[in-house]
N, C-alpha and C. Protein backbone atom coordinates (compact mmCIF):
# COMPACT_ATOMS: atom_id res chain seq x y z
N UNK A 1 -7.36 4.57 22.51
CA UNK A 1 -7.93 4.19 21.22
C UNK A 1 -7.38 2.83 20.83
N UNK A 2 -8.23 1.94 20.44
CA UNK A 2 -7.85 0.58 20.08
C UNK A 2 -7.86 0.42 18.57
N UNK A 3 -6.76 -0.07 18.00
CA UNK A 3 -6.69 -0.30 16.56
C UNK A 3 -7.26 -1.66 16.26
N UNK A 4 -8.10 -1.74 15.24
CA UNK A 4 -8.78 -2.98 14.93
C UNK A 4 -8.07 -3.80 13.87
N UNK A 5 -7.36 -3.16 12.94
CA UNK A 5 -6.77 -3.90 11.84
C UNK A 5 -5.57 -3.16 11.31
N UNK A 6 -4.55 -3.90 10.87
CA UNK A 6 -3.38 -3.25 10.29
C UNK A 6 -3.69 -2.71 8.90
N UNK A 7 -4.84 -3.02 8.33
CA UNK A 7 -5.18 -2.52 7.00
C UNK A 7 -5.92 -1.19 7.07
N UNK A 8 -6.00 -0.60 8.25
CA UNK A 8 -6.67 0.69 8.42
C UNK A 8 -5.64 1.79 8.46
N UNK A 9 -5.97 2.94 7.89
CA UNK A 9 -5.09 4.10 7.88
C UNK A 9 -5.88 5.30 8.38
N UNK A 10 -5.22 6.25 9.02
CA UNK A 10 -5.92 7.35 9.68
C UNK A 10 -6.81 8.16 8.77
N UNK A 11 -8.00 8.49 9.24
CA UNK A 11 -8.94 9.37 8.53
C UNK A 11 -9.69 10.19 9.57
N UNK A 12 -9.61 11.52 9.46
CA UNK A 12 -10.30 12.40 10.38
C UNK A 12 -10.13 11.94 11.83
N UNK A 13 -8.87 11.81 12.25
CA UNK A 13 -8.51 11.35 13.58
C UNK A 13 -8.86 9.88 13.80
N UNK A 14 -9.17 9.19 12.76
CA UNK A 14 -9.42 7.75 12.82
C UNK A 14 -8.65 7.10 11.68
N UNK A 15 -8.50 5.82 11.77
CA UNK A 15 -7.80 5.10 10.71
C UNK A 15 -8.71 4.92 9.50
N UNK A 16 -8.12 5.06 8.30
CA UNK A 16 -8.85 4.77 7.05
C UNK A 16 -8.54 3.34 6.64
N UNK A 17 -9.54 2.63 6.20
CA UNK A 17 -9.31 1.29 5.70
C UNK A 17 -8.73 1.37 4.30
N UNK A 18 -7.91 0.39 3.95
CA UNK A 18 -7.30 0.36 2.62
C UNK A 18 -8.37 0.42 1.54
N UNK A 19 -9.51 -0.20 1.78
CA UNK A 19 -10.56 -0.23 0.76
C UNK A 19 -11.22 1.13 0.54
N UNK A 20 -10.91 2.10 1.41
CA UNK A 20 -11.49 3.43 1.23
C UNK A 20 -10.74 4.25 0.18
N UNK A 21 -9.60 3.75 -0.28
CA UNK A 21 -8.84 4.45 -1.32
C UNK A 21 -9.21 3.90 -2.69
N UNK A 22 -9.58 4.78 -3.63
CA UNK A 22 -9.91 4.29 -4.97
C UNK A 22 -8.69 3.74 -5.70
N UNK A 23 -7.50 4.22 -5.33
CA UNK A 23 -6.27 3.74 -5.97
C UNK A 23 -5.18 3.59 -4.92
N UNK A 24 -4.42 2.50 -5.05
CA UNK A 24 -3.29 2.23 -4.17
C UNK A 24 -2.10 1.91 -5.05
N UNK A 25 -0.99 2.63 -4.82
CA UNK A 25 0.20 2.46 -5.65
C UNK A 25 1.40 2.08 -4.78
N UNK A 26 2.10 1.04 -5.20
CA UNK A 26 3.34 0.66 -4.55
C UNK A 26 4.50 1.23 -5.35
N UNK A 27 5.45 1.81 -4.68
CA UNK A 27 6.70 2.25 -5.31
C UNK A 27 7.64 1.06 -5.19
N UNK A 28 7.94 0.41 -6.32
CA UNK A 28 8.66 -0.86 -6.29
C UNK A 28 10.09 -0.72 -5.77
N UNK A 29 10.76 0.38 -6.12
CA UNK A 29 12.15 0.57 -5.68
C UNK A 29 12.19 0.84 -4.18
N UNK A 30 13.27 0.37 -3.55
CA UNK A 30 13.45 0.60 -2.13
C UNK A 30 13.70 2.08 -1.86
N UNK A 31 13.26 2.54 -0.68
CA UNK A 31 13.34 3.94 -0.33
C UNK A 31 14.09 4.10 1.00
N UNK A 32 14.87 5.15 1.08
CA UNK A 32 15.53 5.52 2.32
C UNK A 32 14.45 5.99 3.30
N UNK A 33 14.23 5.26 4.37
CA UNK A 33 13.12 5.55 5.27
C UNK A 33 13.39 6.73 6.21
N UNK A 34 14.50 7.41 6.02
CA UNK A 34 14.69 8.68 6.72
C UNK A 34 13.84 9.76 6.06
N UNK A 35 13.33 9.48 4.86
CA UNK A 35 12.48 10.45 4.17
C UNK A 35 11.17 10.61 4.92
N UNK A 36 10.72 11.85 4.98
CA UNK A 36 9.44 12.15 5.62
C UNK A 36 8.40 12.44 4.54
N UNK A 37 7.34 13.11 4.90
CA UNK A 37 6.26 13.40 3.95
C UNK A 37 6.78 14.17 2.74
N UNK A 38 7.62 15.17 2.97
CA UNK A 38 8.12 15.98 1.86
C UNK A 38 8.95 15.14 0.89
N UNK A 39 9.86 14.36 1.40
CA UNK A 39 10.71 13.52 0.54
C UNK A 39 9.91 12.47 -0.20
N UNK A 40 8.96 11.84 0.48
CA UNK A 40 8.13 10.82 -0.17
C UNK A 40 7.20 11.46 -1.20
N UNK A 41 6.69 12.65 -0.91
CA UNK A 41 5.84 13.34 -1.88
C UNK A 41 6.63 13.68 -3.15
N UNK A 42 7.89 14.01 -2.99
CA UNK A 42 8.73 14.30 -4.15
C UNK A 42 8.92 13.04 -5.00
N UNK A 43 9.05 11.88 -4.36
CA UNK A 43 9.14 10.62 -5.11
C UNK A 43 7.83 10.36 -5.85
N UNK A 44 6.71 10.66 -5.20
CA UNK A 44 5.40 10.47 -5.84
C UNK A 44 5.32 11.28 -7.12
N UNK A 45 5.80 12.52 -7.08
CA UNK A 45 5.75 13.40 -8.26
C UNK A 45 6.80 12.98 -9.29
N UNK A 46 8.06 12.87 -8.88
CA UNK A 46 9.16 12.67 -9.82
C UNK A 46 9.24 11.26 -10.40
N UNK A 47 9.07 10.26 -9.56
CA UNK A 47 9.27 8.88 -10.00
C UNK A 47 7.97 8.14 -10.31
N UNK A 48 6.94 8.40 -9.49
CA UNK A 48 5.68 7.69 -9.69
C UNK A 48 4.76 8.41 -10.67
N UNK A 49 5.07 9.69 -10.95
CA UNK A 49 4.32 10.50 -11.91
C UNK A 49 2.85 10.65 -11.51
N UNK A 50 2.62 10.88 -10.23
CA UNK A 50 1.27 11.09 -9.70
C UNK A 50 1.26 12.37 -8.89
N UNK A 51 0.06 12.87 -8.64
CA UNK A 51 -0.14 14.02 -7.78
C UNK A 51 -0.33 13.48 -6.35
N UNK A 52 0.51 13.86 -5.41
CA UNK A 52 0.36 13.33 -4.05
C UNK A 52 -0.93 13.79 -3.37
N UNK A 53 -1.62 14.79 -3.94
CA UNK A 53 -2.88 15.25 -3.36
C UNK A 53 -4.09 14.51 -3.92
N UNK A 54 -3.85 13.55 -4.82
CA UNK A 54 -4.95 12.72 -5.30
C UNK A 54 -5.49 11.87 -4.15
N UNK A 55 -6.67 11.38 -4.31
CA UNK A 55 -7.26 10.50 -3.30
C UNK A 55 -6.72 9.08 -3.49
N UNK A 56 -5.41 8.94 -3.27
CA UNK A 56 -4.75 7.65 -3.46
C UNK A 56 -3.81 7.39 -2.30
N UNK A 57 -3.50 6.14 -2.10
CA UNK A 57 -2.55 5.71 -1.08
C UNK A 57 -1.25 5.34 -1.79
N UNK A 58 -0.13 5.90 -1.33
CA UNK A 58 1.17 5.64 -1.92
C UNK A 58 2.01 4.89 -0.89
N UNK A 59 2.57 3.75 -1.30
CA UNK A 59 3.21 2.84 -0.36
C UNK A 59 4.68 2.65 -0.73
N UNK A 60 5.53 2.70 0.30
CA UNK A 60 6.98 2.59 0.14
C UNK A 60 7.53 1.57 1.13
N UNK A 61 8.68 0.99 0.79
CA UNK A 61 9.32 0.02 1.67
C UNK A 61 10.83 0.24 1.65
N UNK A 62 11.50 -0.13 2.74
CA UNK A 62 12.95 0.02 2.79
C UNK A 62 13.64 -1.21 2.20
N UNK A 63 14.97 -1.12 2.07
CA UNK A 63 15.75 -2.18 1.42
C UNK A 63 15.58 -3.54 2.11
N UNK A 64 15.53 -3.56 3.43
CA UNK A 64 15.38 -4.84 4.13
C UNK A 64 13.93 -5.31 4.19
N UNK A 65 13.02 -4.49 3.68
CA UNK A 65 11.59 -4.81 3.58
C UNK A 65 10.94 -5.07 4.93
N UNK A 66 11.50 -4.49 5.98
CA UNK A 66 10.88 -4.64 7.31
C UNK A 66 10.13 -3.38 7.72
N UNK A 67 10.26 -2.31 6.93
CA UNK A 67 9.62 -1.04 7.26
C UNK A 67 8.83 -0.53 6.05
N UNK A 68 7.57 -0.22 6.28
CA UNK A 68 6.69 0.30 5.23
C UNK A 68 6.17 1.66 5.67
N UNK A 69 6.12 2.59 4.71
CA UNK A 69 5.48 3.88 4.96
C UNK A 69 4.42 4.10 3.89
N UNK A 70 3.30 4.67 4.32
CA UNK A 70 2.19 4.99 3.42
C UNK A 70 1.89 6.47 3.57
N UNK A 71 1.67 7.13 2.45
CA UNK A 71 1.36 8.57 2.43
C UNK A 71 0.05 8.77 1.70
N UNK A 72 -0.77 9.65 2.23
CA UNK A 72 -1.98 10.05 1.50
C UNK A 72 -2.39 11.44 1.94
N UNK A 73 -3.19 12.08 1.11
CA UNK A 73 -3.74 13.40 1.37
C UNK A 73 -5.14 13.20 1.95
N UNK A 74 -5.43 13.87 3.06
CA UNK A 74 -6.75 13.68 3.69
C UNK A 74 -7.61 14.94 3.69
N UNK A 75 -7.53 15.73 2.65
CA UNK A 75 -8.31 16.95 2.42
C UNK A 75 -7.77 18.17 3.13
N UNK A 76 -7.05 18.02 4.23
CA UNK A 76 -6.51 19.17 4.95
C UNK A 76 -5.00 19.10 5.12
N UNK A 77 -4.42 18.02 4.73
CA UNK A 77 -2.98 17.85 4.87
C UNK A 77 -2.59 16.41 4.60
N UNK A 78 -1.30 16.17 4.61
CA UNK A 78 -0.79 14.82 4.37
C UNK A 78 -0.83 13.99 5.64
N UNK A 79 -1.02 12.71 5.46
CA UNK A 79 -0.93 11.75 6.55
C UNK A 79 0.17 10.75 6.22
N UNK A 80 0.91 10.35 7.22
CA UNK A 80 2.00 9.39 7.06
C UNK A 80 1.76 8.26 8.04
N UNK A 81 1.75 7.05 7.52
CA UNK A 81 1.53 5.85 8.33
C UNK A 81 2.74 4.97 8.17
N UNK A 82 3.18 4.35 9.25
CA UNK A 82 4.38 3.51 9.20
C UNK A 82 4.12 2.19 9.91
N UNK A 83 4.67 1.12 9.35
CA UNK A 83 4.60 -0.18 10.01
C UNK A 83 5.98 -0.81 9.96
N UNK A 84 6.46 -1.27 11.12
CA UNK A 84 7.75 -1.94 11.21
C UNK A 84 7.53 -3.37 11.65
N UNK A 85 8.07 -4.31 10.91
CA UNK A 85 8.00 -5.71 11.28
C UNK A 85 9.20 -6.05 12.15
N UNK A 86 8.99 -6.76 13.21
CA UNK A 86 10.06 -7.08 14.15
C UNK A 86 10.85 -8.32 13.76
N UNK A 87 10.21 -9.29 13.10
CA UNK A 87 10.91 -10.53 12.79
C UNK A 87 10.92 -10.90 11.32
N UNK A 88 9.99 -10.44 10.56
CA UNK A 88 9.82 -10.89 9.18
C UNK A 88 10.04 -9.72 8.23
N UNK A 89 9.66 -9.89 6.98
CA UNK A 89 9.74 -8.80 6.01
C UNK A 89 8.52 -8.86 5.10
N UNK A 90 8.23 -7.73 4.48
CA UNK A 90 7.11 -7.66 3.55
C UNK A 90 7.50 -8.38 2.26
N UNK A 91 6.55 -9.10 1.68
CA UNK A 91 6.77 -9.80 0.42
C UNK A 91 6.56 -8.80 -0.71
N UNK A 92 7.59 -8.04 -1.02
CA UNK A 92 7.50 -6.94 -1.97
C UNK A 92 7.58 -7.49 -3.39
N UNK A 93 6.71 -7.05 -4.30
CA UNK A 93 6.63 -7.62 -5.66
C UNK A 93 7.74 -7.11 -6.59
N UNK A 94 8.98 -7.50 -6.31
CA UNK A 94 10.13 -7.02 -7.07
C UNK A 94 10.19 -7.56 -8.49
N UNK A 95 9.59 -8.71 -8.75
CA UNK A 95 9.70 -9.33 -10.08
C UNK A 95 8.70 -8.78 -11.09
N UNK A 96 7.78 -7.95 -10.66
CA UNK A 96 6.85 -7.34 -11.60
C UNK A 96 7.59 -6.30 -12.43
N UNK A 97 7.22 -6.13 -13.71
CA UNK A 97 8.00 -5.27 -14.61
C UNK A 97 7.91 -3.77 -14.33
N UNK A 98 6.82 -3.28 -13.81
CA UNK A 98 6.63 -1.84 -13.64
C UNK A 98 7.27 -1.33 -12.35
N UNK A 99 7.72 -0.08 -12.36
CA UNK A 99 8.28 0.54 -11.16
C UNK A 99 7.20 1.04 -10.22
N UNK A 100 6.01 1.30 -10.75
CA UNK A 100 4.85 1.70 -9.95
C UNK A 100 3.79 0.62 -10.15
N UNK A 101 3.36 0.02 -9.07
CA UNK A 101 2.45 -1.12 -9.14
C UNK A 101 1.12 -0.73 -8.51
N UNK A 102 0.06 -0.78 -9.30
CA UNK A 102 -1.28 -0.51 -8.78
C UNK A 102 -1.83 -1.81 -8.20
N UNK A 103 -2.30 -1.74 -6.96
CA UNK A 103 -2.84 -2.92 -6.29
C UNK A 103 -4.25 -2.64 -5.81
N UNK A 104 -4.97 -3.68 -5.58
CA UNK A 104 -6.33 -3.57 -5.05
C UNK A 104 -6.25 -3.44 -3.52
N UNK A 105 -7.32 -2.96 -2.90
CA UNK A 105 -7.33 -2.94 -1.43
C UNK A 105 -7.12 -4.33 -0.83
N UNK A 106 -7.66 -5.34 -1.48
CA UNK A 106 -7.48 -6.71 -1.00
C UNK A 106 -6.00 -7.11 -1.05
N UNK A 107 -5.33 -6.76 -2.14
CA UNK A 107 -3.90 -7.07 -2.25
C UNK A 107 -3.09 -6.31 -1.20
N UNK A 108 -3.48 -5.08 -0.89
CA UNK A 108 -2.80 -4.32 0.14
C UNK A 108 -2.94 -5.00 1.49
N UNK A 109 -4.13 -5.50 1.77
CA UNK A 109 -4.34 -6.23 3.02
C UNK A 109 -3.51 -7.51 3.05
N UNK A 110 -3.41 -8.19 1.91
CA UNK A 110 -2.56 -9.39 1.83
C UNK A 110 -1.12 -9.03 2.11
N UNK A 111 -0.65 -7.93 1.54
CA UNK A 111 0.73 -7.49 1.73
C UNK A 111 1.00 -7.22 3.21
N UNK A 112 0.08 -6.52 3.86
CA UNK A 112 0.22 -6.23 5.29
C UNK A 112 0.17 -7.50 6.13
N UNK A 113 -0.53 -8.52 5.65
CA UNK A 113 -0.64 -9.79 6.37
C UNK A 113 0.55 -10.71 6.11
N UNK A 114 1.47 -10.29 5.23
CA UNK A 114 2.65 -11.10 4.98
C UNK A 114 2.55 -12.02 3.78
N UNK A 115 1.52 -11.85 2.97
CA UNK A 115 1.37 -12.71 1.80
C UNK A 115 2.05 -12.12 0.58
N UNK A 116 2.47 -12.98 -0.32
CA UNK A 116 3.05 -12.56 -1.60
C UNK A 116 1.89 -12.25 -2.53
N UNK A 117 1.71 -10.97 -2.89
CA UNK A 117 0.55 -10.58 -3.68
C UNK A 117 0.62 -11.08 -5.12
N UNK A 118 1.81 -11.45 -5.58
CA UNK A 118 1.93 -11.99 -6.93
C UNK A 118 1.45 -13.43 -6.97
N UNK A 119 1.77 -14.19 -5.92
CA UNK A 119 1.39 -15.61 -5.87
C UNK A 119 0.00 -15.83 -5.30
N UNK A 120 -0.44 -14.95 -4.42
CA UNK A 120 -1.75 -15.11 -3.78
C UNK A 120 -2.85 -14.78 -4.78
N UNK A 121 -3.62 -15.74 -5.12
CA UNK A 121 -4.72 -15.56 -6.06
C UNK A 121 -5.99 -16.17 -5.44
N UNK A 122 -7.09 -15.45 -5.54
CA UNK A 122 -8.34 -16.04 -5.04
C UNK A 122 -8.81 -17.14 -5.99
N UNK A 123 -9.74 -17.94 -5.51
CA UNK A 123 -10.32 -18.97 -6.36
C UNK A 123 -11.00 -18.33 -7.57
N UNK A 124 -10.95 -19.02 -8.67
CA UNK A 124 -11.62 -18.53 -9.88
C UNK A 124 -13.12 -18.51 -9.66
N UNK A 125 -13.76 -17.46 -10.12
CA UNK A 125 -15.21 -17.35 -10.03
C UNK A 125 -15.83 -18.28 -11.07
N UNK A 126 -16.73 -19.12 -10.62
CA UNK A 126 -17.38 -20.07 -11.53
C UNK A 126 -18.79 -19.60 -11.85
N UNK A 127 -19.21 -19.79 -13.08
CA UNK A 127 -20.57 -19.46 -13.52
C UNK A 127 -21.10 -20.66 -14.30
N UNK A 128 -22.20 -21.20 -13.86
CA UNK A 128 -22.81 -22.34 -14.54
C UNK A 128 -24.10 -21.91 -15.19
N UNK A 129 -24.35 -22.46 -16.36
CA UNK A 129 -25.58 -22.15 -17.08
C UNK A 129 -26.60 -23.29 -16.96
N UNK A 130 -26.10 -24.49 -16.82
CA UNK A 130 -27.01 -25.64 -16.75
C UNK A 130 -26.57 -26.56 -15.63
N UNK A 131 -27.55 -27.22 -15.06
CA UNK A 131 -27.30 -28.16 -13.97
C UNK A 131 -27.92 -29.49 -14.33
N UNK A 132 -27.23 -30.55 -14.04
CA UNK A 132 -27.77 -31.88 -14.35
C UNK A 132 -28.23 -32.57 -13.11
């Protein structure tokens, strides 16, 4: 099986794309990556104040920001996805005020690509009413 993009996550024996999740939440605090699905689900309930069985993607990172884990419910059980960077680190949005950060699928893809989602902004959408 060939993986096409790092922004895809498993769905029905295939990867789900980040854009397939209606909500994506980052847990801003660093997490001990020895935690498995049960430990991460407990963080989702206790700290993030969400139901881990919602149709949402929950994203965690370790202190050195080189390891990311994502948890989601896929109708029949939990799925756990992990990405380890060999040379770099994820640009984790530590300066944002909230402990749980809701991001768009596009921002999730930026994060996986190594971009700072706080600084990365698309061009402003322009709308013109008259042309000369």
